[in-house]
Protein backbone atom coordinates (compact mmCIF):
# COMPACT_ATOMS: atom_id res chain seq x y z
CA MET A 1 115.84 163.67 118.92
CA SER A 2 117.48 163.05 115.55
CA ILE A 3 117.09 160.84 112.47
CA ASP A 4 120.09 160.22 110.24
CA ILE A 5 118.95 160.48 106.60
CA THR A 6 122.41 160.37 104.97
CA GLY A 7 122.01 158.78 101.55
CA LEU A 8 118.23 158.47 101.81
CA PRO A 9 116.68 158.97 98.35
CA ALA A 10 113.81 161.41 97.97
CA GLU A 11 111.33 158.58 97.40
CA GLY A 12 112.32 157.10 100.78
CA VAL A 13 110.31 159.75 102.62
CA VAL A 14 106.65 158.77 102.50
CA PHE A 15 103.41 160.03 104.01
CA GLY A 16 100.55 157.72 104.86
CA THR A 17 97.68 157.11 107.26
CA SER A 18 97.48 154.42 109.92
CA PRO A 19 94.21 153.37 111.57
CA LEU A 20 96.05 151.34 114.21
CA ALA A 21 98.28 154.28 115.15
CA GLU A 22 95.17 156.48 115.38
CA LEU A 23 93.48 153.91 117.60
CA GLY A 24 96.52 154.11 119.86
CA VAL A 25 96.24 157.87 120.34
CA CYS A 26 92.47 157.55 120.79
CA LEU A 27 93.06 155.10 123.63
CA HIS A 28 95.67 157.46 125.07
CA ALA A 29 93.17 160.34 124.97
CA LEU A 30 90.63 158.17 126.82
CA ALA A 31 93.20 157.27 129.48
CA GLU A 32 94.73 160.76 129.80
CA PRO A 33 92.09 163.37 128.89
CA GLY A 34 94.19 165.98 130.69
CA HIS A 35 96.77 165.71 127.87
CA HIS A 36 94.11 166.54 125.30
CA PRO A 37 91.96 169.50 126.41
CA GLY A 38 90.23 169.74 123.04
CA LEU A 39 88.95 166.15 123.26
CA HIS A 40 87.16 166.23 126.61
CA GLY A 41 83.72 165.95 125.01
CA TRP A 42 84.70 163.00 122.83
CA ALA A 43 86.52 161.24 125.67
CA THR A 44 83.63 161.67 128.10
CA ALA A 45 81.01 160.46 125.63
CA THR A 46 83.13 157.52 124.44
CA ALA A 47 84.04 156.39 127.96
CA ALA A 48 80.39 156.59 129.03
CA GLY A 49 79.35 154.37 126.12
CA LEU A 50 81.83 151.55 126.78
CA GLN A 51 80.47 148.22 127.93
CA PRO A 52 81.82 147.27 131.40
CA ASP A 53 83.75 144.26 130.07
CA LEU A 54 85.55 146.31 127.42
CA ALA A 55 86.25 149.12 129.90
CA ASP A 56 87.80 146.60 132.31
CA ARG A 57 90.01 145.10 129.60
CA LEU A 58 91.14 148.55 128.48
CA HIS A 59 92.05 149.35 132.07
CA GLU A 60 94.03 146.11 132.26
CA ALA A 61 96.21 147.05 129.27
CA GLU A 62 96.24 150.85 129.45
CA PHE A 63 99.97 151.08 130.18
CA LEU A 64 100.51 150.22 126.49
CA TRP A 65 99.20 153.67 125.59
CA ARG A 66 99.01 155.71 128.80
CA THR A 67 102.60 155.98 130.06
CA THR A 68 104.24 155.36 126.69
CA PHE A 69 102.92 155.04 123.16
CA SER A 70 103.85 151.43 122.43
CA ASP A 71 105.40 150.60 119.07
CA VAL A 72 102.89 147.75 118.70
CA PHE A 73 100.63 150.43 117.19
CA MET A 74 103.05 150.82 114.26
CA PRO A 75 103.90 147.23 113.25
CA PHE A 76 104.56 148.26 109.65
CA ALA A 77 107.77 149.88 110.90
CA GLY A 78 109.12 146.71 112.46
CA LEU A 79 108.69 144.20 109.64
CA THR A 80 111.85 143.07 107.90
CA GLY A 81 111.58 143.96 104.22
CA GLY A 82 108.09 145.33 104.75
CA GLY A 83 108.77 148.60 102.92
CA GLY A 84 107.13 150.69 105.63
CA GLY A 85 103.67 150.52 104.05
CA THR A 86 100.70 151.00 106.36
CA GLY A 87 97.44 149.08 106.06
CA GLU A 88 94.29 150.54 104.55
CA THR A 89 92.06 149.19 107.33
CA LEU A 90 92.46 148.36 110.98
CA ALA A 91 92.16 144.66 110.11
CA ASP A 92 95.02 145.04 107.62
CA GLU A 93 97.26 146.57 110.27
CA LEU A 94 96.32 143.95 112.85
CA ASP A 95 97.47 141.40 110.28
CA LEU A 96 100.79 143.28 110.10
CA LEU A 97 100.95 143.14 113.89
CA ASP A 98 100.49 139.36 113.73
CA ARG A 99 103.50 139.16 111.41
CA LEU A 100 105.91 140.64 113.99
CA ASP A 101 107.98 137.88 115.57
CA ASP A 102 107.45 137.24 119.27
CA GLU A 103 110.73 138.79 120.39
CA ARG A 104 110.05 142.05 118.59
CA PHE A 105 106.42 142.15 119.76
CA VAL A 106 107.33 141.47 123.39
CA SER A 107 110.10 144.08 123.43
CA ALA A 108 107.70 146.68 122.01
CA ALA A 109 104.90 145.74 124.41
CA LEU A 110 107.24 145.98 127.42
CA GLU A 111 108.48 149.44 126.50
CA PHE A 112 106.61 150.80 129.54
CA THR A 113 109.10 149.01 131.82
CA CYS A 114 112.25 149.67 129.77
CA VAL A 115 112.03 153.28 128.61
CA SER A 116 115.59 154.03 129.73
CA CYS A 117 117.06 151.45 127.29
CA TYR A 118 114.60 152.06 124.42
CA SER A 119 117.22 153.77 122.25
CA THR A 120 119.95 151.21 122.84
CA GLY A 121 118.01 148.02 122.20
CA GLY A 122 119.52 144.81 123.52
CA PRO A 123 118.47 141.21 123.98
CA SER A 124 114.83 140.24 124.25
CA PRO A 125 113.46 139.34 127.70
CA LEU A 126 112.20 136.15 126.05
CA SER A 127 115.74 134.94 125.46
CA ASP A 128 117.83 136.77 128.05
CA PRO A 129 117.24 135.81 131.73
CA ALA A 130 118.77 139.03 133.06
CA ARG A 131 116.54 141.20 130.85
CA ARG A 132 113.53 139.09 131.88
CA GLU A 133 114.21 139.62 135.58
CA ARG A 134 114.80 143.33 135.04
CA SER A 135 111.49 143.64 133.14
CA LEU A 136 109.63 141.90 135.96
CA GLU A 137 111.36 144.09 138.56
CA LEU A 138 110.45 147.30 136.74
CA ALA A 139 106.89 146.10 136.13
CA ALA A 140 106.50 145.37 139.86
CA GLY A 141 107.45 148.97 140.57
CA ARG A 142 104.67 150.15 138.26
CA GLY A 143 101.94 148.08 139.93
CA PRO A 144 100.31 144.65 140.22
CA ARG A 145 98.46 144.88 136.89
CA GLN A 146 101.65 145.68 135.04
CA LEU A 147 103.47 142.84 136.77
CA ASP A 148 100.70 140.35 135.96
CA PHE A 149 100.64 141.44 132.30
CA THR A 150 104.42 141.18 132.03
CA ARG A 151 104.44 137.69 133.49
CA ARG A 152 101.69 136.51 131.17
CA LEU A 153 103.39 138.03 128.15
CA LEU A 154 106.73 136.44 128.95
CA ASP A 155 105.20 133.05 129.77
CA ASP A 156 102.78 132.82 126.83
CA PRO A 157 103.26 135.59 124.24
CA ALA A 158 100.93 133.93 121.71
CA ALA A 159 97.98 134.00 124.12
CA VAL A 160 98.55 137.64 125.04
CA ARG A 161 98.89 138.61 121.36
CA THR A 162 95.54 136.98 120.62
CA TRP A 163 94.02 138.80 123.61
CA ILE A 164 95.36 142.18 122.44
CA ARG A 165 94.10 141.67 118.88
CA ARG A 166 90.63 140.85 120.17
CA LEU A 167 90.74 143.92 122.40
CA PHE A 168 91.54 146.19 119.44
CA GLU A 169 88.84 144.53 117.33
CA ASP A 170 86.28 145.14 120.08
CA CYS A 171 87.38 148.79 120.29
CA ASP A 172 86.77 149.07 116.56
CA GLU A 173 83.25 147.72 116.94
CA ALA A 174 82.47 149.82 120.00
CA PHE A 175 83.68 153.25 118.90
CA PHE A 176 86.73 153.40 116.65
CA ALA A 177 85.12 152.44 113.33
CA ASP A 178 82.86 155.49 113.54
CA THR A 179 85.74 157.68 114.72
CA TRP A 180 88.00 156.54 111.89
CA ARG A 181 85.29 157.15 109.27
CA ARG A 182 85.03 160.70 110.56
CA VAL A 183 88.73 161.59 110.75
CA SER A 184 90.33 159.49 108.00
CA PRO A 185 89.35 161.76 105.08
CA ARG A 186 91.09 164.70 106.73
CA LEU A 187 94.18 162.63 107.48
CA ALA A 188 94.33 161.23 103.94
CA ALA A 189 94.00 164.74 102.54
CA ASP A 190 96.83 165.97 104.75
CA ALA A 191 99.07 163.07 103.69
CA ARG A 192 98.38 163.84 100.01
CA HIS A 193 99.05 167.54 100.54
CA LYS A 194 102.35 166.90 102.32
CA THR A 195 103.40 164.46 99.57
CA GLU A 196 102.82 167.14 96.95
CA LEU A 197 104.62 169.70 99.08
CA LEU A 198 107.61 167.36 99.37
CA ARG A 199 107.63 166.83 95.61
CA HIS A 200 107.48 170.52 94.72
CA LYS A 201 109.06 172.36 97.68
CA GLY A 202 111.53 169.89 99.15
CA LEU A 203 112.15 168.38 102.55
CA ASP A 204 112.92 171.57 104.49
CA GLU A 205 109.62 173.28 103.75
CA THR A 206 107.67 170.06 104.13
CA LEU A 207 109.03 169.42 107.62
CA ARG A 208 108.21 172.99 108.64
CA ALA A 209 104.65 172.38 107.48
CA VAL A 210 104.50 169.12 109.44
CA SER A 211 105.65 170.74 112.71
CA PRO A 212 107.66 173.80 113.76
CA ALA A 213 109.59 171.40 116.00
CA LEU A 214 111.11 169.60 112.99
CA SER A 215 114.11 170.76 110.96
CA VAL A 216 116.78 169.36 108.66
CA ASP A 217 120.45 170.35 108.81
CA GLY A 218 122.19 172.26 106.05
CA ASN A 219 123.82 169.15 104.60
CA ARG A 220 120.47 167.31 104.38
CA THR A 221 121.89 164.48 106.48
CA ARG A 222 119.92 164.74 109.72
CA ILE A 223 116.35 165.55 110.78
CA SER A 224 116.06 167.01 114.27
CA ALA A 225 112.97 167.09 116.45
CA ASP A 226 112.87 169.72 119.20
CA LYS A 227 111.72 167.47 122.06
CA LEU A 228 112.72 167.12 125.69
CA ALA A 229 113.31 163.44 124.95
CA VAL A 230 116.77 162.40 123.76
CA GLY A 231 117.32 159.74 121.12
CA ARG A 232 118.67 159.01 117.67
CA THR A 233 117.98 156.60 114.86
CA THR A 234 118.72 156.10 111.19
CA ALA A 235 116.56 155.91 108.10
CA ILE A 236 119.12 153.57 106.49
CA ASP A 237 118.88 150.16 108.15
CA PRO A 238 119.62 146.92 106.27
CA ALA A 239 117.16 145.00 108.46
CA VAL A 240 114.07 147.03 107.53
CA GLY A 241 115.27 148.90 104.45
CA ALA A 242 115.82 152.60 103.80
CA GLY A 243 112.96 154.94 104.52
CA LEU A 244 111.13 157.36 106.78
CA THR A 245 107.36 157.31 107.26
CA LEU A 246 105.29 160.31 108.41
CA ILE A 247 101.78 159.68 109.76
CA PRO A 248 99.25 162.45 110.52
CA THR A 249 96.97 162.13 113.54
CA SER A 250 93.78 163.93 114.42
CA PHE A 251 93.75 162.88 118.10
CA GLY A 252 97.46 163.18 118.87
CA TRP A 253 97.97 166.87 119.73
CA PRO A 254 100.15 167.96 121.51
CA HIS A 255 102.28 164.83 121.07
CA LEU A 256 104.85 164.71 118.30
CA LEU A 257 105.83 161.04 118.44
CA ILE A 258 109.09 159.71 117.00
CA LEU A 259 109.51 155.95 116.66
CA HIS A 260 113.28 155.53 117.02
CA ALA A 261 113.75 151.96 118.24
CA PRO A 262 116.88 150.24 116.89
CA GLY A 263 116.03 147.96 113.97
CA TRP A 264 112.69 149.67 113.27
CA ARG A 265 111.94 152.04 110.42
CA PRO A 266 111.74 155.57 111.87
CA VAL A 267 108.27 157.08 112.00
CA ILE A 268 107.14 160.64 112.74
CA HIS A 269 103.56 160.69 114.03
CA TYR A 270 102.49 164.33 113.84
CA PRO A 271 99.29 166.12 114.94
CA VAL A 272 97.04 167.93 112.50
CA GLY A 273 95.50 171.00 114.13
CA SER A 274 95.47 172.09 117.79
CA PRO A 275 92.78 173.34 120.20
CA GLU A 276 92.57 176.64 122.03
CA LEU A 277 93.45 176.41 125.74
CA PRO A 278 92.54 178.70 128.67
CA GLY A 279 95.42 180.33 130.49
CA ALA A 280 94.40 182.72 133.29
CA SER A 281 96.12 182.63 136.74
CA PRO A 282 96.77 185.16 139.55
CA VAL A 283 100.03 187.01 138.97
CA GLU A 284 101.72 185.83 142.19
CA LEU A 285 100.80 182.21 141.60
CA LEU A 286 101.78 182.38 137.95
CA THR A 287 105.17 183.84 138.92
CA LEU A 288 105.79 181.07 141.45
CA ARG A 289 104.92 178.39 138.93
CA MET A 290 106.94 179.85 136.10
CA GLU A 291 109.99 180.16 138.37
CA ALA A 292 109.55 176.51 139.37
CA LEU A 293 109.50 175.48 135.72
CA ALA A 294 112.43 177.64 134.68
CA HIS A 295 115.08 175.07 135.62
CA PRO A 296 115.96 172.75 132.68
CA MET A 297 116.09 169.62 134.88
CA ARG A 298 112.65 170.36 136.33
CA MET A 299 111.31 170.73 132.79
CA ARG A 300 112.75 167.32 131.95
CA LEU A 301 111.26 165.82 135.10
CA CYS A 302 107.90 167.27 134.09
CA ARG A 303 108.07 165.33 130.85
CA HIS A 304 108.09 162.02 132.74
CA LEU A 305 105.69 163.18 135.44
CA ALA A 306 103.16 164.30 132.82
CA ARG A 307 102.92 160.78 131.43
CA ALA A 308 102.70 158.73 134.61
CA ALA A 309 103.38 158.71 138.33
CA HIS A 310 107.01 157.94 139.19
CA THR A 311 109.04 157.32 142.31
CA THR A 312 112.07 159.40 143.20
CA SER A 313 114.39 156.47 142.52
CA GLU A 314 112.85 155.87 139.05
CA LEU A 315 113.43 159.51 138.12
CA ALA A 316 116.99 159.43 139.49
CA ASP A 317 117.75 156.30 137.46
CA THR A 318 116.23 157.77 134.28
CA TYR A 319 118.13 161.05 134.41
CA GLY A 320 121.37 159.85 135.98
CA ILE A 321 121.21 162.11 139.04
CA THR A 322 120.97 161.33 142.74
CA ALA A 323 117.72 160.74 144.59
CA PRO A 324 118.32 163.79 146.86
CA GLU A 325 118.70 165.98 143.77
CA VAL A 326 115.39 164.69 142.44
CA SER A 327 113.76 165.32 145.82
CA ARG A 328 114.95 168.93 145.85
CA HIS A 329 113.50 169.57 142.38
CA LEU A 330 110.24 167.84 143.31
CA SER A 331 109.95 170.02 146.42
CA VAL A 332 110.09 173.15 144.27
CA LEU A 333 107.42 171.79 141.93
CA LYS A 334 105.21 170.74 144.84
CA ARG A 335 105.47 174.16 146.52
CA ALA A 336 104.16 175.63 143.27
CA GLY A 337 101.27 173.17 143.32
CA LEU A 338 102.37 171.57 140.04
CA VAL A 339 103.04 168.05 141.33
CA THR A 340 100.84 165.77 143.40
CA THR A 341 102.05 162.94 145.60
CA ARG A 342 100.36 159.71 146.67
CA ARG A 343 101.47 156.54 148.40
CA ARG A 344 101.02 153.02 147.03
CA GLY A 345 102.30 150.48 149.52
CA ARG A 346 105.97 151.23 150.12
CA TYR A 347 106.20 153.43 147.01
CA VAL A 348 105.70 157.22 147.01
CA LEU A 349 104.54 158.32 143.57
CA HIS A 350 104.75 161.82 142.11
CA GLN A 351 102.79 163.10 139.10
CA LEU A 352 102.37 166.37 137.23
CA ASP A 353 98.95 168.03 137.41
CA VAL A 354 98.48 168.24 133.64
CA THR A 355 95.14 170.07 133.83
CA LEU A 356 96.73 172.81 135.92
CA VAL A 357 99.79 173.02 133.65
CA ALA A 358 97.46 173.42 130.66
CA ARG A 359 96.24 176.66 132.24
CA LEU A 360 99.78 178.04 132.14
CA GLY A 361 99.59 178.00 128.37
CA SER A 362 99.68 175.59 125.50
CA ASP A 363 103.36 176.23 124.67
CA PHE A 364 104.66 174.61 127.86
CA LEU A 365 102.10 171.80 127.77
CA GLU A 366 102.93 171.00 124.16
CA THR A 367 106.67 171.05 124.93
CA VAL A 368 106.55 168.58 127.84
CA LEU A 369 104.12 166.28 126.05
CA ARG A 370 105.71 166.49 122.59
């Protein structure tokens, strides 16, 4: 993953905090507690305290934050001439979300069906019939809730946008306002510290302090993120202006998120702190599992399977290999007990057992989820 920073002035790199982005990772932690072993207590208590109506609505929209981290949580990065400034409050950032035009909002919200073309962009499904049909086809493969949401969004984006804003406002009232009051001072302090570090020590040292996975090349023209995902973007875009925004998160570990959609300001959403994880396994079983994970393609498959259940054909399409090749790799992972399989109608879905993988050690878990 790389960000072209050729010609970016020093003042173009900014640190800030984002309540809406933090709400997004909070919702992800609720939906996927296995990704966040250090948050089990918070996730259990928060989920238990949700009113049934809110819990149902969160379940209805969870693919916005469960499978992928939708760019709707960072609207400041998609506004033309917006300068990349985040809002001080959740209400401020929801106002920024309202300012995104329908085509940009819909494309961001439907990222869960179009991950394979995220980096390349293309026409909006609102205006392009072929992209609309493809979005509906991919949503159908994900499930009936995803298909219903996609249809509603394409037919009446304004109504769905109002529904999503109300959902986020109700989350704020139910649990997030208290959570944000607790974590925001730490995040603001980290953003101030990194700003000072950038001013006095330069970009190289600052990026190392943000994450060991980040580096800048010797010519100071490209930032690289050591992730299993592949993508590139630029911090110099006439549509949104020059700049790179870095946002700390308290709930995001182990994810290092890079917003790299074409036409959006690049954003690095980086975790502050990490929990301790258990890691004991019998030697024979550990050996079997480590051998299964040693193949680079199986590691890449694990990245997708950690985020959601996928069919063999989806994985083959994503990675440009044949379905039999995918099946052979999945068989190795299943023999090691790392992947579970279930049937939904005519689809056979495979998913990584994230809780079990966490016991292999935090390095591998952080790598596949980064």
